[in-house]
All heavy atoms as atom14 arrays in JSON, in Angstrom:
{
  "sequence": "EDHRKNETGESDLLKQESMEKAREALKKLPSKFQEVLILREYSDM",
  "atom14_mask": [
    [1, 1, 1, 1, 1, 1, 1, 1, 1, 0, 0, 0, 0, 0],
    [1, 1, 1, 1, 1, 1, 1, 1, 0, 0, 0, 0, 0, 0],
    [1, 1, 1, 1, 1, 1, 1, 1, 1, 1, 0, 0, 0, 0],
    [1, 1, 1, 1, 1, 1, 1, 1, 1, 1, 1, 0, 0, 0],
    [1, 1, 1, 1, 1, 1, 1, 1, 1, 0, 0, 0, 0, 0],
    [1, 1, 1, 1, 1, 1, 1, 1, 0, 0, 0, 0, 0, 0],
    [1, 1, 1, 1, 1, 1, 1, 1, 1, 0, 0, 0, 0, 0],
    [1, 1, 1, 1, 1, 1, 1, 0, 0, 0, 0, 0, 0, 0],
    [1, 1, 1, 1, 0, 0, 0, 0, 0, 0, 0, 0, 0, 0],
    [1, 1, 1, 1, 1, 1, 1, 1, 1, 0, 0, 0, 0, 0],
    [1, 1, 1, 1, 1, 1, 0, 0, 0, 0, 0, 0, 0, 0],
    [1, 1, 1, 1, 1, 1, 1, 1, 0, 0, 0, 0, 0, 0],
    [1, 1, 1, 1, 1, 1, 1, 1, 0, 0, 0, 0, 0, 0],
    [1, 1, 1, 1, 1, 1, 1, 1, 0, 0, 0, 0, 0, 0],
    [1, 1, 1, 1, 1, 1, 1, 1, 1, 0, 0, 0, 0, 0],
    [1, 1, 1, 1, 1, 1, 1, 1, 1, 0, 0, 0, 0, 0],
    [1, 1, 1, 1, 1, 1, 1, 1, 1, 0, 0, 0, 0, 0],
    [1, 1, 1, 1, 1, 1, 0, 0, 0, 0, 0, 0, 0, 0],
    [1, 1, 1, 1, 1, 1, 1, 1, 0, 0, 0, 0, 0, 0],
    [1, 1, 1, 1, 1, 1, 1, 1, 1, 0, 0, 0, 0, 0],
    [1, 1, 1, 1, 1, 1, 1, 1, 1, 0, 0, 0, 0, 0],
    [1, 1, 1, 1, 1, 0, 0, 0, 0, 0, 0, 0, 0, 0],
    [1, 1, 1, 1, 1, 1, 1, 1, 1, 1, 1, 0, 0, 0],
    [1, 1, 1, 1, 1, 1, 1, 1, 1, 0, 0, 0, 0, 0],
    [1, 1, 1, 1, 1, 0, 0, 0, 0, 0, 0, 0, 0, 0],
    [1, 1, 1, 1, 1, 1, 1, 1, 0, 0, 0, 0, 0, 0],
    [1, 1, 1, 1, 1, 1, 1, 1, 1, 0, 0, 0, 0, 0],
    [1, 1, 1, 1, 1, 1, 1, 1, 1, 0, 0, 0, 0, 0],
    [1, 1, 1, 1, 1, 1, 1, 1, 0, 0, 0, 0, 0, 0],
    [1, 1, 1, 1, 1, 1, 1, 0, 0, 0, 0, 0, 0, 0],
    [1, 1, 1, 1, 1, 1, 0, 0, 0, 0, 0, 0, 0, 0],
    [1, 1, 1, 1, 1, 1, 1, 1, 1, 0, 0, 0, 0, 0],
    [1, 1, 1, 1, 1, 1, 1, 1, 1, 1, 1, 0, 0, 0],
    [1, 1, 1, 1, 1, 1, 1, 1, 1, 0, 0, 0, 0, 0],
    [1, 1, 1, 1, 1, 1, 1, 1, 1, 0, 0, 0, 0, 0],
    [1, 1, 1, 1, 1, 1, 1, 0, 0, 0, 0, 0, 0, 0],
    [1, 1, 1, 1, 1, 1, 1, 1, 0, 0, 0, 0, 0, 0],
    [1, 1, 1, 1, 1, 1, 1, 1, 0, 0, 0, 0, 0, 0],
    [1, 1, 1, 1, 1, 1, 1, 1, 0, 0, 0, 0, 0, 0],
    [1, 1, 1, 1, 1, 1, 1, 1, 1, 1, 1, 0, 0, 0],
    [1, 1, 1, 1, 1, 1, 1, 1, 1, 0, 0, 0, 0, 0],
    [1, 1, 1, 1, 1, 1, 1, 1, 1, 1, 1, 1, 0, 0],
    [1, 1, 1, 1, 1, 1, 0, 0, 0, 0, 0, 0, 0, 0],
    [1, 1, 1, 1, 1, 1, 1, 1, 0, 0, 0, 0, 0, 0],
    [1, 1, 1, 1, 1, 1, 1, 1, 0, 0, 0, 0, 0, 0]
  ],
  "atom14_positions": [
    [[53.36, 99.33, 188.3], [52.05, 98.7, 188.19], [52.15, 97.44, 187.34], [53.09, 97.23, 186.58], [51.01, 99.65, 187.61], [51.1, 99.85, 186.12], [50.03, 100.8, 185.61], [49.18, 101.26, 186.39], [50.08, 101.09, 184.42], [0.0, 0.0, 0.0], [0.0, 0.0, 0.0], [0.0, 0.0, 0.0], [0.0, 0.0, 0.0], [0.0, 0.0, 0.0]],
    [[51.2, 96.59, 187.51], [51.17, 95.32, 186.8], [50.98, 95.6, 185.31], [50.01, 96.2, 184.9], [49.99, 94.49, 187.33], [50.01, 93.08, 186.81], [50.94, 92.74, 186.07], [49.09, 92.33, 187.16], [0.0, 0.0, 0.0], [0.0, 0.0, 0.0], [0.0, 0.0, 0.0], [0.0, 0.0, 0.0], [0.0, 0.0, 0.0], [0.0, 0.0, 0.0]],
    [[51.95, 95.19, 184.52], [51.91, 95.48, 183.1], [51.2, 94.4, 182.29], [51.15, 94.47, 181.07], [53.34, 95.66, 182.55], [53.97, 96.92, 183.04], [53.56, 98.17, 182.63], [54.96, 97.14, 183.94], [54.27, 99.09, 183.23], [55.13, 98.49, 184.03], [0.0, 0.0, 0.0], [0.0, 0.0, 0.0], [0.0, 0.0, 0.0], [0.0, 0.0, 0.0]],
    [[50.68, 93.41, 182.98], [49.94, 92.39, 182.24], [48.7, 93.01, 181.65], [48.01, 93.79, 182.28], [49.55, 91.24, 183.16], [50.74, 90.4, 183.58], [50.3, 89.33, 184.5], [49.92, 90.01, 185.76], [49.45, 89.37, 186.81], [49.26, 88.11, 186.8], [49.16, 90.06, 187.91], [0.0, 0.0, 0.0], [0.0, 0.0, 0.0], [0.0, 0.0, 0.0]],
    [[48.42, 92.63, 180.46], [47.24, 93.18, 179.78], [46.07, 92.22, 179.99], [46.25, 91.01, 180.05], [47.53, 93.31, 178.28], [48.72, 94.22, 178.02], [48.48, 95.02, 176.8], [49.51, 96.0, 176.42], [50.7, 96.2, 177.06], [0.0, 0.0, 0.0], [0.0, 0.0, 0.0], [0.0, 0.0, 0.0], [0.0, 0.0, 0.0], [0.0, 0.0, 0.0]],
    [[44.91, 92.8, 180.1], [43.72, 91.96, 180.2], [43.49, 91.3, 178.85], [43.6, 91.93, 177.81], [42.49, 92.81, 180.56], [42.57, 93.33, 181.97], [43.26, 92.76, 182.8], [41.87, 94.41, 182.23], [0.0, 0.0, 0.0], [0.0, 0.0, 0.0], [0.0, 0.0, 0.0], [0.0, 0.0, 0.0], [0.0, 0.0, 0.0], [0.0, 0.0, 0.0]],
    [[43.2, 90.04, 178.92], [42.96, 89.3, 177.68], [41.58, 89.68, 177.14], [40.6, 89.74, 177.87], [43.02, 87.79, 177.95], [44.39, 87.32, 178.4], [45.47, 87.51, 177.35], [45.18, 87.34, 176.15], [46.61, 87.83, 177.72], [0.0, 0.0, 0.0], [0.0, 0.0, 0.0], [0.0, 0.0, 0.0], [0.0, 0.0, 0.0], [0.0, 0.0, 0.0]],
    [[41.53, 89.92, 175.86], [40.26, 90.21, 175.22], [39.85, 89.0, 174.42], [40.63, 88.09, 174.17], [40.4, 91.41, 174.26], [41.32, 91.06, 173.23], [40.9, 92.64, 175.0], [0.0, 0.0, 0.0], [0.0, 0.0, 0.0], [0.0, 0.0, 0.0], [0.0, 0.0, 0.0], [0.0, 0.0, 0.0], [0.0, 0.0, 0.0], [0.0, 0.0, 0.0]],
    [[38.63, 89.0, 174.0], [38.15, 87.9, 173.16], [38.96, 87.8, 171.89], [39.28, 86.71, 171.41], [0.0, 0.0, 0.0], [0.0, 0.0, 0.0], [0.0, 0.0, 0.0], [0.0, 0.0, 0.0], [0.0, 0.0, 0.0], [0.0, 0.0, 0.0], [0.0, 0.0, 0.0], [0.0, 0.0, 0.0], [0.0, 0.0, 0.0], [0.0, 0.0, 0.0]],
    [[39.33, 88.95, 171.34], [40.11, 88.96, 170.1], [41.49, 88.35, 170.31], [41.94, 87.53, 169.51], [40.25, 90.4, 169.59], [40.99, 90.5, 168.27], [41.15, 91.94, 167.8], [40.85, 92.86, 168.58], [41.58, 92.1, 166.66], [0.0, 0.0, 0.0], [0.0, 0.0, 0.0], [0.0, 0.0, 0.0], [0.0, 0.0, 0.0], [0.0, 0.0, 0.0]],
    [[42.16, 88.73, 171.4], [43.5, 88.18, 171.64], [43.43, 86.69, 171.94], [44.3, 85.93, 171.53], [44.23, 88.93, 172.75], [43.57, 88.78, 173.98], [0.0, 0.0, 0.0], [0.0, 0.0, 0.0], [0.0, 0.0, 0.0], [0.0, 0.0, 0.0], [0.0, 0.0, 0.0], [0.0, 0.0, 0.0], [0.0, 0.0, 0.0], [0.0, 0.0, 0.0]],
    [[42.37, 86.25, 172.64], [42.19, 84.82, 172.89], [42.04, 84.06, 171.57], [42.64, 83.0, 171.38], [40.96, 84.56, 173.76], [41.2, 84.91, 175.22], [42.38, 85.04, 175.61], [40.21, 85.05, 175.95], [0.0, 0.0, 0.0], [0.0, 0.0, 0.0], [0.0, 0.0, 0.0], [0.0, 0.0, 0.0], [0.0, 0.0, 0.0], [0.0, 0.0, 0.0]],
    [[41.24, 84.62, 170.68], [41.01, 83.97, 169.38], [42.31, 83.91, 168.58], [42.63, 82.87, 167.99], [39.95, 84.74, 168.6], [39.55, 84.15, 167.24], [38.95, 82.75, 167.42], [38.56, 85.06, 166.54], [0.0, 0.0, 0.0], [0.0, 0.0, 0.0], [0.0, 0.0, 0.0], [0.0, 0.0, 0.0], [0.0, 0.0, 0.0], [0.0, 0.0, 0.0]],
    [[43.06, 85.01, 168.57], [44.34, 85.02, 167.84], [45.32, 84.01, 168.42], [46.03, 83.33, 167.68], [44.95, 86.43, 167.88], [44.26, 87.47, 167.03], [44.83, 88.86, 167.33], [44.4, 87.16, 165.55], [0.0, 0.0, 0.0], [0.0, 0.0, 0.0], [0.0, 0.0, 0.0], [0.0, 0.0, 0.0], [0.0, 0.0, 0.0], [0.0, 0.0, 0.0]],
    [[45.35, 83.9, 169.74], [46.23, 82.91, 170.37], [45.83, 81.5, 169.98], [46.68, 80.66, 169.66], [46.15, 83.04, 171.89], [47.32, 83.74, 172.51], [47.32, 83.52, 174.0], [47.4, 84.86, 174.68], [47.33, 84.79, 176.1], [0.0, 0.0, 0.0], [0.0, 0.0, 0.0], [0.0, 0.0, 0.0], [0.0, 0.0, 0.0], [0.0, 0.0, 0.0]],
    [[44.53, 81.22, 170.0], [44.05, 79.89, 169.64], [44.41, 79.56, 168.2], [44.87, 78.45, 167.9], [42.53, 79.8, 169.81], [42.09, 79.66, 171.24], [40.57, 79.62, 171.35], [39.86, 80.25, 170.56], [40.07, 78.88, 172.34], [0.0, 0.0, 0.0], [0.0, 0.0, 0.0], [0.0, 0.0, 0.0], [0.0, 0.0, 0.0], [0.0, 0.0, 0.0]],
    [[44.21, 80.53, 167.3], [44.55, 80.31, 165.9], [46.04, 80.05, 165.73], [46.45, 79.17, 164.97], [44.12, 81.51, 165.05], [42.64, 81.64, 164.85], [42.24, 82.9, 164.08], [43.13, 83.67, 163.66], [41.03, 83.11, 163.92], [0.0, 0.0, 0.0], [0.0, 0.0, 0.0], [0.0, 0.0, 0.0], [0.0, 0.0, 0.0], [0.0, 0.0, 0.0]],
    [[46.87, 80.8, 166.42], [48.31, 80.62, 166.33], [48.73, 79.26, 166.87], [49.6, 78.6, 166.29], [49.04, 81.72, 167.1], [48.88, 82.95, 166.46], [0.0, 0.0, 0.0], [0.0, 0.0, 0.0], [0.0, 0.0, 0.0], [0.0, 0.0, 0.0], [0.0, 0.0, 0.0], [0.0, 0.0, 0.0], [0.0, 0.0, 0.0], [0.0, 0.0, 0.0]],
    [[48.13, 78.85, 167.98], [48.45, 77.54, 168.55], [48.07, 76.43, 167.58], [48.81, 75.46, 167.4], [47.72, 77.34, 169.89], [48.22, 78.25, 171.0], [49.91, 77.93, 171.47], [49.7, 76.42, 172.38], [0.0, 0.0, 0.0], [0.0, 0.0, 0.0], [0.0, 0.0, 0.0], [0.0, 0.0, 0.0], [0.0, 0.0, 0.0], [0.0, 0.0, 0.0]],
    [[46.93, 76.58, 166.93], [46.49, 75.58, 165.95], [47.46, 75.52, 164.77], [47.83, 74.44, 164.31], [45.06, 75.89, 165.48], [44.42, 74.8, 164.66], [44.38, 73.46, 165.37], [44.11, 73.4, 166.59], [44.65, 72.44, 164.69], [0.0, 0.0, 0.0], [0.0, 0.0, 0.0], [0.0, 0.0, 0.0], [0.0, 0.0, 0.0], [0.0, 0.0, 0.0]],
    [[47.87, 76.68, 164.27], [48.84, 76.72, 163.16], [50.15, 76.08, 163.58], [50.77, 75.35, 162.79], [49.1, 78.17, 162.72], [47.99, 78.76, 161.9], [48.34, 80.18, 161.49], [47.18, 80.82, 160.73], [47.48, 82.18, 160.33], [0.0, 0.0, 0.0], [0.0, 0.0, 0.0], [0.0, 0.0, 0.0], [0.0, 0.0, 0.0], [0.0, 0.0, 0.0]],
    [[50.59, 76.33, 164.82], [51.84, 75.75, 165.31], [51.73, 74.23, 165.4], [52.65, 73.51, 165.0], [52.19, 76.33, 166.67], [0.0, 0.0, 0.0], [0.0, 0.0, 0.0], [0.0, 0.0, 0.0], [0.0, 0.0, 0.0], [0.0, 0.0, 0.0], [0.0, 0.0, 0.0], [0.0, 0.0, 0.0], [0.0, 0.0, 0.0], [0.0, 0.0, 0.0]],
    [[50.59, 73.72, 165.87], [50.4, 72.26, 165.95], [50.43, 71.63, 164.56], [51.03, 70.58, 164.36], [49.07, 71.94, 166.64], [49.13, 72.06, 168.13], [47.86, 71.5, 168.8], [47.64, 72.21, 170.04], [46.79, 73.21, 170.23], [46.02, 73.61, 169.24], [46.68, 73.78, 171.39], [0.0, 0.0, 0.0], [0.0, 0.0, 0.0], [0.0, 0.0, 0.0]],
    [[49.75, 72.28, 163.61], [49.72, 71.76, 162.24], [51.12, 71.77, 161.63], [51.51, 70.81, 160.97], [48.76, 72.6, 161.37], [47.3, 72.46, 161.74], [46.8, 71.02, 161.61], [47.14, 70.34, 160.62], [46.09, 70.57, 162.53], [0.0, 0.0, 0.0], [0.0, 0.0, 0.0], [0.0, 0.0, 0.0], [0.0, 0.0, 0.0], [0.0, 0.0, 0.0]],
    [[51.86, 72.87, 161.86], [53.22, 72.95, 161.31], [54.13, 71.92, 161.96], [54.96, 71.3, 161.28], [53.77, 74.35, 161.53], [0.0, 0.0, 0.0], [0.0, 0.0, 0.0], [0.0, 0.0, 0.0], [0.0, 0.0, 0.0], [0.0, 0.0, 0.0], [0.0, 0.0, 0.0], [0.0, 0.0, 0.0], [0.0, 0.0, 0.0], [0.0, 0.0, 0.0]],
    [[53.96, 71.68, 163.25], [54.77, 70.7, 163.97], [54.57, 69.3, 163.37], [55.54, 68.54, 163.21], [54.42, 70.71, 165.45], [55.27, 69.86, 166.38], [56.72, 70.32, 166.36], [54.73, 69.91, 167.8], [0.0, 0.0, 0.0], [0.0, 0.0, 0.0], [0.0, 0.0, 0.0], [0.0, 0.0, 0.0], [0.0, 0.0, 0.0], [0.0, 0.0, 0.0]],
    [[53.33, 68.98, 163.01], [53.03, 67.66, 162.42], [53.73, 67.48, 161.07], [54.02, 66.36, 160.68], [51.52, 67.5, 162.23], [50.75, 67.34, 163.52], [49.26, 67.24, 163.22], [48.44, 67.27, 164.5], [47.01, 67.32, 164.22], [0.0, 0.0, 0.0], [0.0, 0.0, 0.0], [0.0, 0.0, 0.0], [0.0, 0.0, 0.0], [0.0, 0.0, 0.0]],
    [[54.01, 68.58, 160.38], [54.63, 68.5, 159.05], [56.15, 68.37, 159.12], [56.79, 68.08, 158.1], [54.26, 69.74, 158.23], [52.78, 69.82, 157.9], [52.48, 71.09, 157.14], [50.97, 71.22, 156.89], [50.62, 72.5, 156.28], [0.0, 0.0, 0.0], [0.0, 0.0, 0.0], [0.0, 0.0, 0.0], [0.0, 0.0, 0.0], [0.0, 0.0, 0.0]],
    [[56.72, 68.57, 160.29], [58.18, 68.47, 160.44], [58.62, 67.01, 160.44], [57.86, 66.13, 160.87], [58.64, 69.12, 161.75], [58.51, 70.62, 161.9], [58.98, 71.04, 163.3], [59.29, 71.36, 160.85], [0.0, 0.0, 0.0], [0.0, 0.0, 0.0], [0.0, 0.0, 0.0], [0.0, 0.0, 0.0], [0.0, 0.0, 0.0], [0.0, 0.0, 0.0]],
    [[59.86, 66.75, 160.02], [60.41, 65.4, 160.16], [60.42, 65.0, 161.64], [60.57, 65.85, 162.51], [61.84, 65.52, 159.61], [61.85, 66.76, 158.78], [60.79, 67.65, 159.33], [0.0, 0.0, 0.0], [0.0, 0.0, 0.0], [0.0, 0.0, 0.0], [0.0, 0.0, 0.0], [0.0, 0.0, 0.0], [0.0, 0.0, 0.0], [0.0, 0.0, 0.0]],
    [[60.3, 63.73, 161.92], [60.17, 63.24, 163.3], [61.36, 63.64, 164.17], [61.18, 63.93, 165.36], [59.95, 61.74, 163.35], [61.07, 61.07, 162.8], [0.0, 0.0, 0.0], [0.0, 0.0, 0.0], [0.0, 0.0, 0.0], [0.0, 0.0, 0.0], [0.0, 0.0, 0.0], [0.0, 0.0, 0.0], [0.0, 0.0, 0.0], [0.0, 0.0, 0.0]],
    [[62.58, 63.69, 163.62], [63.73, 64.05, 164.45], [63.63, 65.51, 164.93], [64.1, 65.83, 166.01], [65.05, 63.79, 163.71], [65.31, 64.65, 162.5], [66.64, 64.29, 161.86], [66.93, 65.23, 160.69], [68.21, 64.94, 160.09], [0.0, 0.0, 0.0], [0.0, 0.0, 0.0], [0.0, 0.0, 0.0], [0.0, 0.0, 0.0], [0.0, 0.0, 0.0]],
    [[62.99, 66.37, 164.13], [62.79, 67.75, 164.55], [61.61, 67.87, 165.51], [61.63, 68.66, 166.45], [62.58, 68.67, 163.34], [63.8, 68.86, 162.47], [63.69, 69.22, 161.16], [65.08, 68.65, 162.98], [64.8, 69.4, 160.36], [66.21, 68.82, 162.18], [66.07, 69.2, 160.87], [0.0, 0.0, 0.0], [0.0, 0.0, 0.0], [0.0, 0.0, 0.0]],
    [[60.56, 67.08, 165.26], [59.41, 67.08, 166.16], [59.84, 66.7, 167.57], [59.46, 67.35, 168.55], [58.35, 66.09, 165.68], [57.54, 66.55, 164.5], [56.49, 65.51, 164.11], [56.06, 64.7, 164.94], [56.07, 65.55, 162.86], [0.0, 0.0, 0.0], [0.0, 0.0, 0.0], [0.0, 0.0, 0.0], [0.0, 0.0, 0.0], [0.0, 0.0, 0.0]],
    [[60.63, 65.66, 167.67], [61.07, 65.15, 168.98], [61.79, 66.24, 169.78], [61.44, 66.49, 170.94], [62.04, 63.97, 168.8], [61.43, 62.71, 168.28], [62.48, 61.65, 167.98], [63.62, 62.01, 167.61], [62.15, 60.46, 168.15], [0.0, 0.0, 0.0], [0.0, 0.0, 0.0], [0.0, 0.0, 0.0], [0.0, 0.0, 0.0], [0.0, 0.0, 0.0]],
    [[62.79, 66.88, 169.16], [63.57, 67.85, 169.93], [62.73, 69.06, 170.33], [62.86, 69.57, 171.44], [64.85, 68.31, 169.19], [65.87, 67.21, 169.1], [64.57, 68.91, 167.85], [0.0, 0.0, 0.0], [0.0, 0.0, 0.0], [0.0, 0.0, 0.0], [0.0, 0.0, 0.0], [0.0, 0.0, 0.0], [0.0, 0.0, 0.0], [0.0, 0.0, 0.0]],
    [[61.85, 69.51, 169.42], [61.01, 70.67, 169.75], [60.03, 70.34, 170.87], [59.83, 71.15, 171.78], [60.23, 71.14, 168.52], [60.87, 72.23, 167.69], [59.93, 72.7, 166.6], [61.34, 73.39, 168.51], [0.0, 0.0, 0.0], [0.0, 0.0, 0.0], [0.0, 0.0, 0.0], [0.0, 0.0, 0.0], [0.0, 0.0, 0.0], [0.0, 0.0, 0.0]],
    [[59.41, 69.2, 170.8], [58.45, 68.82, 171.84], [59.15, 68.71, 173.19], [58.64, 69.23, 174.2], [57.73, 67.5, 171.46], [56.78, 67.76, 170.29], [56.98, 66.93, 172.66], [56.19, 66.51, 169.67], [0.0, 0.0, 0.0], [0.0, 0.0, 0.0], [0.0, 0.0, 0.0], [0.0, 0.0, 0.0], [0.0, 0.0, 0.0], [0.0, 0.0, 0.0]],
    [[60.31, 68.07, 173.21], [61.03, 67.93, 174.47], [61.5, 69.29, 175.01], [61.47, 69.54, 176.21], [62.23, 66.99, 174.31], [61.87, 65.52, 174.07], [63.11, 64.71, 173.75], [61.14, 64.93, 175.27], [0.0, 0.0, 0.0], [0.0, 0.0, 0.0], [0.0, 0.0, 0.0], [0.0, 0.0, 0.0], [0.0, 0.0, 0.0], [0.0, 0.0, 0.0]],
    [[61.93, 70.15, 174.13], [62.44, 71.46, 174.55], [61.31, 72.41, 174.95], [61.34, 73.03, 176.02], [63.26, 72.1, 173.41], [63.78, 73.46, 173.72], [64.89, 73.41, 174.74], [65.3, 74.78, 175.04], [65.68, 75.19, 176.21], [65.74, 74.34, 177.21], [66.01, 76.43, 176.42], [0.0, 0.0, 0.0], [0.0, 0.0, 0.0], [0.0, 0.0, 0.0]],
    [[60.3, 72.55, 174.11], [59.25, 73.55, 174.33], [58.15, 73.09, 175.28], [57.59, 73.88, 176.0], [58.63, 73.97, 172.99], [59.62, 74.54, 171.99], [60.36, 75.78, 172.47], [59.81, 76.54, 173.29], [61.5, 75.99, 172.02], [0.0, 0.0, 0.0], [0.0, 0.0, 0.0], [0.0, 0.0, 0.0], [0.0, 0.0, 0.0], [0.0, 0.0, 0.0]],
    [[57.81, 71.81, 175.25], [56.67, 71.35, 176.05], [57.08, 70.59, 177.31], [56.33, 70.5, 178.25], [55.73, 70.5, 175.2], [55.19, 71.29, 174.02], [55.6, 71.02, 172.72], [54.28, 72.33, 174.22], [55.12, 71.77, 171.65], [53.81, 73.07, 173.16], [54.23, 72.79, 171.87], [53.77, 73.53, 170.82], [0.0, 0.0, 0.0], [0.0, 0.0, 0.0]],
    [[58.29, 70.03, 177.3], [58.74, 69.3, 178.48], [59.75, 70.11, 179.3], [60.21, 69.65, 180.33], [59.39, 67.97, 178.07], [58.47, 67.18, 177.39], [0.0, 0.0, 0.0], [0.0, 0.0, 0.0], [0.0, 0.0, 0.0], [0.0, 0.0, 0.0], [0.0, 0.0, 0.0], [0.0, 0.0, 0.0], [0.0, 0.0, 0.0], [0.0, 0.0, 0.0]],
    [[60.11, 71.28, 178.78], [61.06, 72.16, 179.47], [62.37, 71.45, 179.83], [62.93, 71.68, 180.89], [60.45, 72.78, 180.73], [59.44, 73.84, 180.41], [59.59, 74.52, 179.37], [58.47, 74.0, 181.19], [0.0, 0.0, 0.0], [0.0, 0.0, 0.0], [0.0, 0.0, 0.0], [0.0, 0.0, 0.0], [0.0, 0.0, 0.0], [0.0, 0.0, 0.0]],
    [[62.83, 70.6, 178.94], [64.1, 69.92, 179.17], [65.22, 70.77, 178.58], [65.03, 71.46, 177.59], [64.1, 68.53, 178.51], [63.07, 67.58, 179.09], [63.02, 66.03, 178.21], [64.36, 65.17, 178.99], [0.0, 0.0, 0.0], [0.0, 0.0, 0.0], [0.0, 0.0, 0.0], [0.0, 0.0, 0.0], [0.0, 0.0, 0.0], [0.0, 0.0, 0.0]]
  ]
}
């Protein structure tokens, strides 16, 4: 059976909060680290 879980409002909120924390932390990294992470994680290179 499909093991995907239905998203709840709580899990959506937790995901949004985590994404926001990740964006804030990414901004605090040195630019050479920001570049490689963005290219690897968001550009799938």
